[in-house]
Amino acid sequence: MGDVKICKDYKLSPKGYNYAYLFMPKMKEMIDGMIDDYMKRRGIIDRTEAIGRIYEEFTRITRGKRFLAKHIDDYNMYVAHDRRRLAGASGKAEVGE
C-alpha cells in the first residue's frame, strides 16, 4: 500500500503482506456488505443480478469514466486524510469507525 495514512487508518504497516492478506480481504468484506445491503433495499435475491445492477447504475452515474475500485481508493484516501475534519466535538471520528 503506497499511502502510509491509509495503512495507519486500517492499523497496518505498509508492507506487501498486509496489503495482500489483510487489507484486500477487508475491502472484500466491505464490498460484500454493500452488495448485501443493496440486495435487501432493492428486494433482489440473486447476487449476480445485484452485482450487474450495481455495475449498470455505477456506469450510468459515472458515464463509464471511472471504475468502482477507483472510488473505493478515493474513499480510503478521503477517510485517511480528512479524519480530523470528520471528527465531532468529542474528537472521535464519525465515519469509518
PDB file of N, CA and C in Angstrom:
ATOM      1  N   MET A   1       0.855  -1.169   0.000  1.00  0.00           N
ATOM      2  CA  MET A   1       0.000   0.000   0.000  1.00  0.00           C
ATOM      3  C   MET A   1       0.893   1.221   0.000  1.00  0.00           C
ATOM      4  N   GLY A   2       0.689   2.093  -0.928  1.00  0.00           N
ATOM      5  CA  GLY A   2       1.558   3.228  -1.080  1.00  0.00           C
ATOM      6  C   GLY A   2       1.323   4.353  -0.100  1.00  0.00           C
ATOM      7  N   ASP A   3       0.136   4.503   0.418  1.00  0.00           N
ATOM      8  CA  ASP A   3      -0.175   5.633   1.281  1.00  0.00           C
ATOM      9  C   ASP A   3      -0.123   5.216   2.743  1.00  0.00           C
ATOM     10  N   VAL A   4       0.824   5.791   3.474  1.00  0.00           N
ATOM     11  CA  VAL A   4       1.044   5.424   4.870  1.00  0.00           C
ATOM     12  C   VAL A   4      -0.164   5.770   5.735  1.00  0.00           C
ATOM     13  N   LYS A   5      -0.868   6.869   5.424  1.00  0.00           N
ATOM     14  CA  LYS A   5      -2.037   7.250   6.221  1.00  0.00           C
ATOM     15  C   LYS A   5      -3.162   6.221   6.095  1.00  0.00           C
ATOM     16  N   ILE A   6      -3.347   5.673   4.913  1.00  0.00           N
ATOM     17  CA  ILE A   6      -4.362   4.637   4.742  1.00  0.00           C
ATOM     18  C   ILE A   6      -3.965   3.412   5.561  1.00  0.00           C
ATOM     19  N   CYS A   7      -2.697   3.068   5.518  1.00  0.00           N
ATOM     20  CA  CYS A   7      -2.221   1.931   6.312  1.00  0.00           C
ATOM     21  C   CYS A   7      -2.510   2.157   7.786  1.00  0.00           C
ATOM     22  N   LYS A   8      -2.207   3.358   8.288  1.00  0.00           N
ATOM     23  CA  LYS A   8      -2.450   3.663   9.689  1.00  0.00           C
ATOM     24  C   LYS A   8      -3.942   3.584  10.010  1.00  0.00           C
ATOM     25  N   ASP A   9      -4.780   4.069   9.091  1.00  0.00           N
ATOM     26  CA  ASP A   9      -6.219   4.047   9.322  1.00  0.00           C
ATOM     27  C   ASP A   9      -6.724   2.626   9.530  1.00  0.00           C
ATOM     28  N   TYR A  10      -6.144   1.688   8.821  1.00  0.00           N
ATOM     29  CA  TYR A  10      -6.518   0.281   8.958  1.00  0.00           C
ATOM     30  C   TYR A  10      -5.601  -0.464   9.920  1.00  0.00           C
ATOM     31  N   LYS A  11      -4.755   0.303  10.626  1.00  0.00           N
ATOM     32  CA  LYS A  11      -3.834  -0.261  11.615  1.00  0.00           C
ATOM     33  C   LYS A  11      -2.933  -1.346  11.012  1.00  0.00           C
ATOM     34  N   LEU A  12      -2.381  -1.030   9.845  1.00  0.00           N
ATOM     35  CA  LEU A  12      -1.489  -1.948   9.139  1.00  0.00           C
ATOM     36  C   LEU A  12      -0.179  -1.257   8.828  1.00  0.00           C
ATOM     37  N   SER A  13       0.885  -2.024   8.735  1.00  0.00           N
ATOM     38  CA  SER A  13       2.136  -1.454   8.255  1.00  0.00           C
ATOM     39  C   SER A  13       2.098  -1.505   6.721  1.00  0.00           C
ATOM     40  N   PRO A  14       2.823  -0.607   6.058  1.00  0.00           N
ATOM     41  CA  PRO A  14       2.753  -0.539   4.594  1.00  0.00           C
ATOM     42  C   PRO A  14       3.609  -1.594   3.897  1.00  0.00           C
ATOM     43  N   LYS A  15       3.434  -2.828   4.240  1.00  0.00           N
ATOM     44  CA  LYS A  15       4.201  -3.915   3.619  1.00  0.00           C
ATOM     45  C   LYS A  15       3.278  -4.744   2.735  1.00  0.00           C
ATOM     46  N   GLY A  16       3.834  -5.412   1.741  1.00  0.00           N
ATOM     47  CA  GLY A  16       3.061  -6.183   0.780  1.00  0.00           C
ATOM     48  C   GLY A  16       2.167  -7.240   1.390  1.00  0.00           C
ATOM     49  N   TYR A  17       2.665  -7.924   2.413  1.00  0.00           N
ATOM     50  CA  TYR A  17       1.860  -8.962   3.058  1.00  0.00           C
ATOM     51  C   TYR A  17       0.569  -8.373   3.623  1.00  0.00           C
ATOM     52  N   ASN A  18       0.677  -7.251   4.311  1.00  0.00           N
ATOM     53  CA  ASN A  18      -0.505  -6.623   4.896  1.00  0.00           C
ATOM     54  C   ASN A  18      -1.525  -6.240   3.831  1.00  0.00           C
ATOM     55  N   TYR A  19      -1.037  -5.719   2.720  1.00  0.00           N
ATOM     56  CA  TYR A  19      -1.933  -5.331   1.634  1.00  0.00           C
ATOM     57  C   TYR A  19      -2.671  -6.553   1.082  1.00  0.00           C
ATOM     58  N   ALA A  20      -1.927  -7.597   0.778  1.00  0.00           N
ATOM     59  CA  ALA A  20      -2.496  -8.774   0.126  1.00  0.00           C
ATOM     60  C   ALA A  20      -3.363  -9.613   1.052  1.00  0.00           C
ATOM     61  N   TYR A  21      -2.937  -9.785   2.286  1.00  0.00           N
ATOM     62  CA  TYR A  21      -3.613 -10.736   3.162  1.00  0.00           C
ATOM     63  C   TYR A  21      -4.482 -10.106   4.246  1.00  0.00           C
ATOM     64  N   LEU A  22      -4.367  -8.791   4.445  1.00  0.00           N
ATOM     65  CA  LEU A  22      -5.189  -8.132   5.457  1.00  0.00           C
ATOM     66  C   LEU A  22      -6.088  -7.046   4.858  1.00  0.00           C
ATOM     67  N   PHE A  23      -5.473  -6.133   4.080  1.00  0.00           N
ATOM     68  CA  PHE A  23      -6.236  -5.016   3.526  1.00  0.00           C
ATOM     69  C   PHE A  23      -7.237  -5.471   2.463  1.00  0.00           C
ATOM     70  N   MET A  24      -6.798  -6.252   1.493  1.00  0.00           N
ATOM     71  CA  MET A  24      -7.708  -6.675   0.418  1.00  0.00           C
ATOM     72  C   MET A  24      -8.878  -7.513   0.945  1.00  0.00           C
ATOM     73  N   PRO A  25      -8.668  -8.458   1.856  1.00  0.00           N
ATOM     74  CA  PRO A  25      -9.829  -9.171   2.418  1.00  0.00           C
ATOM     75  C   PRO A  25     -10.789  -8.232   3.152  1.00  0.00           C
ATOM     76  N   LYS A  26     -10.239  -7.201   3.810  1.00  0.00           N
ATOM     77  CA  LYS A  26     -11.093  -6.225   4.497  1.00  0.00           C
ATOM     78  C   LYS A  26     -11.945  -5.466   3.478  1.00  0.00           C
ATOM     79  N   MET A  27     -11.355  -5.110   2.344  1.00  0.00           N
ATOM     80  CA  MET A  27     -12.098  -4.419   1.294  1.00  0.00           C
ATOM     81  C   MET A  27     -13.174  -5.336   0.702  1.00  0.00           C
ATOM     82  N   LYS A  28     -12.846  -6.614   0.532  1.00  0.00           N
ATOM     83  CA  LYS A  28     -13.824  -7.563   0.024  1.00  0.00           C
ATOM     84  C   LYS A  28     -15.001  -7.688   0.986  1.00  0.00           C
ATOM     85  N   GLU A  29     -14.700  -7.740   2.266  1.00  0.00           N
ATOM     86  CA  GLU A  29     -15.756  -7.823   3.278  1.00  0.00           C
ATOM     87  C   GLU A  29     -16.656  -6.586   3.215  1.00  0.00           C
ATOM     88  N   MET A  30     -16.038  -5.417   3.056  1.00  0.00           N
ATOM     89  CA  MET A  30     -16.798  -4.175   2.966  1.00  0.00           C
ATOM     90  C   MET A  30     -17.699  -4.183   1.725  1.00  0.00           C
ATOM     91  N   ILE A  31     -17.153  -4.600   0.602  1.00  0.00           N
ATOM     92  CA  ILE A  31     -17.929  -4.636  -0.639  1.00  0.00           C
ATOM     93  C   ILE A  31     -19.047  -5.667  -0.547  1.00  0.00           C
ATOM     94  N   ASP A  32     -18.765  -6.830   0.034  1.00  0.00           N
ATOM     95  CA  ASP A  32     -19.806  -7.845   0.213  1.00  0.00           C
ATOM     96  C   ASP A  32     -20.953  -7.293   1.054  1.00  0.00           C
ATOM     97  N   GLY A  33     -20.624  -6.541   2.090  1.00  0.00           N
ATOM     98  CA  GLY A  33     -21.653  -5.928   2.924  1.00  0.00           C
ATOM     99  C   GLY A  33     -22.485  -4.917   2.148  1.00  0.00           C
ATOM    100  N   MET A  34     -21.831  -4.146   1.282  1.00  0.00           N
ATOM    101  CA  MET A  34     -22.563  -3.171   0.472  1.00  0.00           C
ATOM    102  C   MET A  34     -23.483  -3.882  -0.515  1.00  0.00           C
ATOM    103  N   ILE A  35     -23.026  -4.981  -1.096  1.00  0.00           N
ATOM    104  CA  ILE A  35     -23.862  -5.749  -2.019  1.00  0.00           C
ATOM    105  C   ILE A  35     -25.057  -6.325  -1.270  1.00  0.00           C
ATOM    106  N   ASP A  36     -24.829  -6.892  -0.085  1.00  0.00           N
ATOM    107  CA  ASP A  36     -25.919  -7.435   0.725  1.00  0.00           C
ATOM    108  C   ASP A  36     -26.958  -6.362   1.047  1.00  0.00           C
ATOM    109  N   ASP A  37     -26.470  -5.175   1.422  1.00  0.00           N
ATOM    110  CA  ASP A  37     -27.371  -4.066   1.733  1.00  0.00           C
ATOM    111  C   ASP A  37     -28.180  -3.661   0.504  1.00  0.00           C
ATOM    112  N   TYR A  38     -27.527  -3.582  -0.642  1.00  0.00           N
ATOM    113  CA  TYR A  38     -28.205  -3.244  -1.902  1.00  0.00           C
ATOM    114  C   TYR A  38     -29.299  -4.257  -2.198  1.00  0.00           C
ATOM    115  N   MET A  39     -28.981  -5.540  -2.010  1.00  0.00           N
ATOM    116  CA  MET A  39     -29.958  -6.600  -2.278  1.00  0.00           C
ATOM    117  C   MET A  39     -31.175  -6.466  -1.362  1.00  0.00           C
ATOM    118  N   LYS A  40     -30.954  -6.175  -0.099  1.00  0.00           N
ATOM    119  CA  LYS A  40     -32.065  -6.008   0.852  1.00  0.00           C
ATOM    120  C   LYS A  40     -32.927  -4.817   0.483  1.00  0.00           C
ATOM    121  N   ARG A  41     -32.287  -3.683   0.201  1.00  0.00           N
ATOM    122  CA  ARG A  41     -33.036  -2.465  -0.127  1.00  0.00           C
ATOM    123  C   ARG A  41     -33.834  -2.596  -1.414  1.00  0.00           C
ATOM    124  N   ARG A  42     -33.300  -3.346  -2.375  1.00  0.00           N
ATOM    125  CA  ARG A  42     -33.975  -3.487  -3.669  1.00  0.00           C
ATOM    126  C   ARG A  42     -34.831  -4.754  -3.767  1.00  0.00           C
ATOM    127  N   GLY A  43     -34.788  -5.595  -2.753  1.00  0.00           N
ATOM    128  CA  GLY A  43     -35.559  -6.835  -2.781  1.00  0.00           C
ATOM    129  C   GLY A  43     -35.063  -7.828  -3.820  1.00  0.00           C
ATOM    130  N   ILE A  44     -33.754  -7.838  -4.033  1.00  0.00           N
ATOM    131  CA  ILE A  44     -33.142  -8.728  -5.016  1.00  0.00           C
ATOM    132  C   ILE A  44     -32.627  -9.966  -4.292  1.00  0.00           C
ATOM    133  N   ILE A  45     -32.910 -11.128  -4.826  1.00  0.00           N
ATOM    134  CA  ILE A  45     -32.479 -12.382  -4.215  1.00  0.00           C
ATOM    135  C   ILE A  45     -31.175 -12.882  -4.830  1.00  0.00           C
ATOM    136  N   ASP A  46     -31.025 -12.724  -6.140  1.00  0.00           N
ATOM    137  CA  ASP A  46     -29.863 -13.250  -6.860  1.00  0.00           C
ATOM    138  C   ASP A  46     -28.683 -12.272  -6.782  1.00  0.00           C
ATOM    139  N   ARG A  47     -27.582 -12.732  -6.209  1.00  0.00           N
ATOM    140  CA  ARG A  47     -26.396 -11.888  -6.029  1.00  0.00           C
ATOM    141  C   ARG A  47     -25.807 -11.430  -7.367  1.00  0.00           C
ATOM    142  N   THR A  48     -25.772 -12.320  -8.348  1.00  0.00           N
ATOM    143  CA  THR A  48     -25.230 -11.961  -9.665  1.00  0.00           C
ATOM    144  C   THR A  48     -26.063 -10.848 -10.293  1.00  0.00           C
ATOM    145  N   GLU A  49     -27.367 -10.930 -10.151  1.00  0.00           N
ATOM    146  CA  GLU A  49     -28.245  -9.876 -10.665  1.00  0.00           C
ATOM    147  C   GLU A  49     -27.951  -8.547  -9.961  1.00  0.00           C
ATOM    148  N   ALA A  50     -27.772  -8.600  -8.649  1.00  0.00           N
ATOM    149  CA  ALA A  50     -27.493  -7.387  -7.881  1.00  0.00           C
ATOM    150  C   ALA A  50     -26.185  -6.745  -8.338  1.00  0.00           C
ATOM    151  N   ILE A  51     -25.168  -7.554  -8.521  1.00  0.00           N
ATOM    152  CA  ILE A  51     -23.868  -7.020  -8.962  1.00  0.00           C
ATOM    153  C   ILE A  51     -24.010  -6.399 -10.349  1.00  0.00           C
ATOM    154  N   GLY A  52     -24.753  -7.036 -11.225  1.00  0.00           N
ATOM    155  CA  GLY A  52     -24.992  -6.482 -12.553  1.00  0.00           C
ATOM    156  C   GLY A  52     -25.698  -5.141 -12.495  1.00  0.00           C
ATOM    157  N   ARG A  53     -26.703  -5.047 -11.625  1.00  0.00           N
ATOM    158  CA  ARG A  53     -27.435  -3.777 -11.485  1.00  0.00           C
ATOM    159  C   ARG A  53     -26.545  -2.679 -10.892  1.00  0.00           C
ATOM    160  N   ILE A  54     -25.739  -3.057  -9.901  1.00  0.00           N
ATOM    161  CA  ILE A  54     -24.813  -2.077  -9.322  1.00  0.00           C
ATOM    162  C   ILE A  54     -23.866  -1.558 -10.399  1.00  0.00           C
ATOM    163  N   TYR A  55     -23.338  -2.473 -11.201  1.00  0.00           N
ATOM    164  CA  TYR A  55     -22.426  -2.085 -12.279  1.00  0.00           C
ATOM    165  C   TYR A  55     -23.129  -1.151 -13.274  1.00  0.00           C
ATOM    166  N   GLU A  56     -24.369  -1.485 -13.647  1.00  0.00           N
ATOM    167  CA  GLU A  56     -25.116  -0.649 -14.595  1.00  0.00           C
ATOM    168  C   GLU A  56     -25.371   0.738 -14.014  1.00  0.00           C
ATOM    169  N   GLU A  57     -25.802   0.802 -12.756  1.00  0.00           N
ATOM    170  CA  GLU A  57     -26.060   2.095 -12.131  1.00  0.00           C
ATOM    171  C   GLU A  57     -24.773   2.911 -12.015  1.00  0.00           C
ATOM    172  N   PHE A  58     -23.701   2.249 -11.604  1.00  0.00           N
ATOM    173  CA  PHE A  58     -22.427   2.932 -11.452  1.00  0.00           C
ATOM    174  C   PHE A  58     -21.941   3.475 -12.794  1.00  0.00           C
ATOM    175  N   THR A  59     -22.053   2.671 -13.839  1.00  0.00           N
ATOM    176  CA  THR A  59     -21.623   3.094 -15.173  1.00  0.00           C
ATOM    177  C   THR A  59     -22.458   4.284 -15.652  1.00  0.00           C
ATOM    178  N   ARG A  60     -23.761   4.231 -15.381  1.00  0.00           N
ATOM    179  CA  ARG A  60     -24.631   5.341 -15.777  1.00  0.00           C
ATOM    180  C   ARG A  60     -24.267   6.611 -15.023  1.00  0.00           C
ATOM    181  N   ILE A  61     -24.089   6.508 -13.712  1.00  0.00           N
ATOM    182  CA  ILE A  61     -23.790   7.672 -12.886  1.00  0.00           C
ATOM    183  C   ILE A  61     -22.448   8.292 -13.271  1.00  0.00           C
ATOM    184  N   THR A  62     -21.451   7.470 -13.527  1.00  0.00           N
ATOM    185  CA  THR A  62     -20.113   7.981 -13.839  1.00  0.00           C
ATOM    186  C   THR A  62     -19.886   8.158 -15.334  1.00  0.00           C
ATOM    187  N   ARG A  63     -20.915   7.847 -16.113  1.00  0.00           N
ATOM    188  CA  ARG A  63     -20.829   7.921 -17.575  1.00  0.00           C
ATOM    189  C   ARG A  63     -19.694   7.053 -18.103  1.00  0.00           C
ATOM    190  N   GLY A  64     -19.418   5.951 -17.384  1.00  0.00           N
ATOM    191  CA  GLY A  64     -18.417   4.990 -17.816  1.00  0.00           C
ATOM    192  C   GLY A  64     -16.983   5.469 -17.723  1.00  0.00           C
ATOM    193  N   LYS A  65     -16.764   6.572 -17.004  1.00  0.00           N
ATOM    194  CA  LYS A  65     -15.426   7.160 -16.967  1.00  0.00           C
ATOM    195  C   LYS A  65     -14.598   6.743 -15.765  1.00  0.00           C
ATOM    196  N   ARG A  66     -15.210   6.052 -14.790  1.00  0.00           N
ATOM    197  CA  ARG A  66     -14.463   5.672 -13.595  1.00  0.00           C
ATOM    198  C   ARG A  66     -14.784   4.234 -13.235  1.00  0.00           C
ATOM    199  N   PHE A  67     -13.846   3.611 -12.574  1.00  0.00           N
ATOM    200  CA  PHE A  67     -14.037   2.240 -12.120  1.00  0.00           C
ATOM    201  C   PHE A  67     -14.383   2.232 -10.634  1.00  0.00           C
ATOM    202  N   LEU A  68     -15.139   1.240 -10.213  1.00  0.00           N
ATOM    203  CA  LEU A  68     -15.532   1.122  -8.821  1.00  0.00           C
ATOM    204  C   LEU A  68     -14.315   1.050  -7.899  1.00  0.00           C
ATOM    205  N   ALA A  69     -13.298   0.336  -8.315  1.00  0.00           N
ATOM    206  CA  ALA A  69     -12.083   0.233  -7.498  1.00  0.00           C
ATOM    207  C   ALA A  69     -11.480   1.609  -7.234  1.00  0.00           C
ATOM    208  N   LYS A  70     -11.561   2.493  -8.211  1.00  0.00           N
ATOM    209  CA  LYS A  70     -11.039   3.855  -8.037  1.00  0.00           C
ATOM    210  C   LYS A  70     -11.839   4.591  -6.969  1.00  0.00           C
ATOM    211  N   HIS A  71     -13.144   4.386  -6.922  1.00  0.00           N
ATOM    212  CA  HIS A  71     -13.964   5.043  -5.908  1.00  0.00           C
ATOM    213  C   HIS A  71     -13.663   4.499  -4.513  1.00  0.00           C
ATOM    214  N   ILE A  72     -13.396   3.224  -4.419  1.00  0.00           N
ATOM    215  CA  ILE A  72     -13.021   2.646  -3.127  1.00  0.00           C
ATOM    216  C   ILE A  72     -11.696   3.249  -2.673  1.00  0.00           C
ATOM    217  N   ASP A  73     -10.755   3.393  -3.587  1.00  0.00           N
ATOM    218  CA  ASP A  73      -9.476   4.018  -3.270  1.00  0.00           C
ATOM    219  C   ASP A  73      -9.680   5.470  -2.843  1.00  0.00           C
ATOM    220  N   ASP A  74     -10.537   6.198  -3.554  1.00  0.00           N
ATOM    221  CA  ASP A  74     -10.837   7.583  -3.191  1.00  0.00           C
ATOM    222  C   ASP A  74     -11.438   7.667  -1.795  1.00  0.00           C
ATOM    223  N   TYR A  75     -12.344   6.745  -1.474  1.00  0.00           N
ATOM    224  CA  TYR A  75     -12.956   6.714  -0.144  1.00  0.00           C
ATOM    225  C   TYR A  75     -11.879   6.512   0.919  1.00  0.00           C
ATOM    226  N   ASN A  76     -11.005   5.565   0.705  1.00  0.00           N
ATOM    227  CA  ASN A  76      -9.938   5.302   1.675  1.00  0.00           C
ATOM    228  C   ASN A  76      -9.033   6.522   1.839  1.00  0.00           C
ATOM    229  N   MET A  77      -8.703   7.190   0.760  1.00  0.00           N
ATOM    230  CA  MET A  77      -7.872   8.389   0.833  1.00  0.00           C
ATOM    231  C   MET A  77      -8.599   9.490   1.602  1.00  0.00           C
ATOM    232  N   TYR A  78      -9.871   9.672   1.322  1.00  0.00           N
ATOM    233  CA  TYR A  78     -10.666  10.705   1.980  1.00  0.00           C
ATOM    234  C   TYR A  78     -10.705  10.466   3.485  1.00  0.00           C
ATOM    235  N   VAL A  79     -11.006   9.241   3.878  1.00  0.00           N
ATOM    236  CA  VAL A  79     -11.088   8.918   5.302  1.00  0.00           C
ATOM    237  C   VAL A  79      -9.722   9.081   5.962  1.00  0.00           C
ATOM    238  N   ALA A  80      -8.686   8.593   5.320  1.00  0.00           N
ATOM    239  CA  ALA A  80      -7.348   8.657   5.908  1.00  0.00           C
ATOM    240  C   ALA A  80      -6.853  10.090   6.047  1.00  0.00           C
ATOM    241  N   HIS A  81      -7.129  10.935   5.057  1.00  0.00           N
ATOM    242  CA  HIS A  81      -6.576  12.290   5.059  1.00  0.00           C
ATOM    243  C   HIS A  81      -7.489  13.308   5.722  1.00  0.00           C
ATOM    244  N   ASP A  82      -8.777  13.050   5.812  1.00  0.00           N
ATOM    245  CA  ASP A  82      -9.716  14.032   6.361  1.00  0.00           C
ATOM    246  C   ASP A  82     -10.335  13.577   7.673  1.00  0.00           C
ATOM    247  N   ARG A  83      -9.726  12.648   8.369  1.00  0.00           N
ATOM    248  CA  ARG A  83     -10.307  12.122   9.608  1.00  0.00           C
ATOM    249  C   ARG A  83     -10.519  13.236  10.638  1.00  0.00           C
ATOM    250  N   ARG A  84      -9.595  14.175  10.742  1.00  0.00           N
ATOM    251  CA  ARG A  84      -9.768  15.263  11.720  1.00  0.00           C
ATOM    252  C   ARG A  84     -10.996  16.095  11.378  1.00  0.00           C
ATOM    253  N   ARG A  85     -11.210  16.353  10.105  1.00  0.00           N
ATOM    254  CA  ARG A  85     -12.357  17.141   9.682  1.00  0.00           C
ATOM    255  C   ARG A  85     -13.655  16.398   9.962  1.00  0.00           C
ATOM    256  N   LEU A  86     -13.606  15.066   9.875  1.00  0.00           N
ATOM    257  CA  LEU A  86     -14.795  14.254  10.109  1.00  0.00           C
ATOM    258  C   LEU A  86     -15.098  14.088  11.594  1.00  0.00           C
ATOM    259  N   ALA A  87     -14.129  14.409  12.449  1.00  0.00           N
ATOM    260  CA  ALA A  87     -14.313  14.207  13.883  1.00  0.00           C
ATOM    261  C   ALA A  87     -15.283  15.245  14.433  1.00  0.00           C
ATOM    262  N   GLY A  88     -16.120  14.808  15.355  1.00  0.00           N
ATOM    263  CA  GLY A  88     -17.060  15.720  16.011  1.00  0.00           C
ATOM    264  C   GLY A  88     -16.363  16.468  17.132  1.00  0.00           C
ATOM    265  N   ALA A  89     -17.125  17.181  17.921  1.00  0.00           N
ATOM    266  CA  ALA A  89     -16.574  17.952  19.028  1.00  0.00           C
ATOM    267  C   ALA A  89     -15.875  17.068  20.045  1.00  0.00           C
ATOM    268  N   SER A  90     -16.284  15.800  20.125  1.00  0.00           N
ATOM    269  CA  SER A  90     -15.672  14.881  21.084  1.00  0.00           C
ATOM    270  C   SER A  90     -14.277  14.455  20.642  1.00  0.00           C
ATOM    271  N   GLY A  91     -13.945  14.717  19.367  1.00  0.00           N
ATOM    272  CA  GLY A  91     -12.658  14.306  18.846  1.00  0.00           C
ATOM    273  C   GLY A  91     -12.666  12.894  18.296  1.00  0.00           C
ATOM    274  N   LYS A  92     -13.805  12.224  18.366  1.00  0.00           N
ATOM    275  CA  LYS A  92     -13.910  10.869  17.829  1.00  0.00           C
ATOM    276  C   LYS A  92     -14.417  10.950  16.394  1.00  0.00           C
ATOM    277  N   ALA A  93     -13.837  10.131  15.531  1.00  0.00           N
ATOM    278  CA  ALA A  93     -14.239  10.119  14.135  1.00  0.00           C
ATOM    279  C   ALA A  93     -15.655   9.586  14.029  1.00  0.00           C
ATOM    280  N   GLU A  94     -16.453  10.205  13.167  1.00  0.00           N
ATOM    281  CA  GLU A  94     -17.831   9.789  12.970  1.00  0.00           C
ATOM    282  C   GLU A  94     -17.981   8.857  11.795  1.00  0.00           C
ATOM    283  N   VAL A  95     -16.975   8.792  10.945  1.00  0.00           N
ATOM    284  CA  VAL A  95     -17.037   7.957   9.743  1.00  0.00           C
ATOM    285  C   VAL A  95     -15.898   6.974   9.778  1.00  0.00           C
ATOM    286  N   GLY A  96     -16.161   5.750   9.371  1.00  0.00           N
ATOM    287  CA  GLY A  96     -15.119   4.763   9.233  1.00  0.00           C
ATOM    288  C   GLY A  96     -14.718   4.071  10.525  1.00  0.00           C
ATOM    289  N   GLU A  97     -15.399   4.337  11.586  1.00  0.00           N
ATOM    290  CA  GLU A  97     -15.066   3.675  12.852  1.00  0.00           C
ATOM    291  C   GLU A  97     -15.851   2.402  12.974  1.00  0.00           C
TER     292      GLU A  97
END
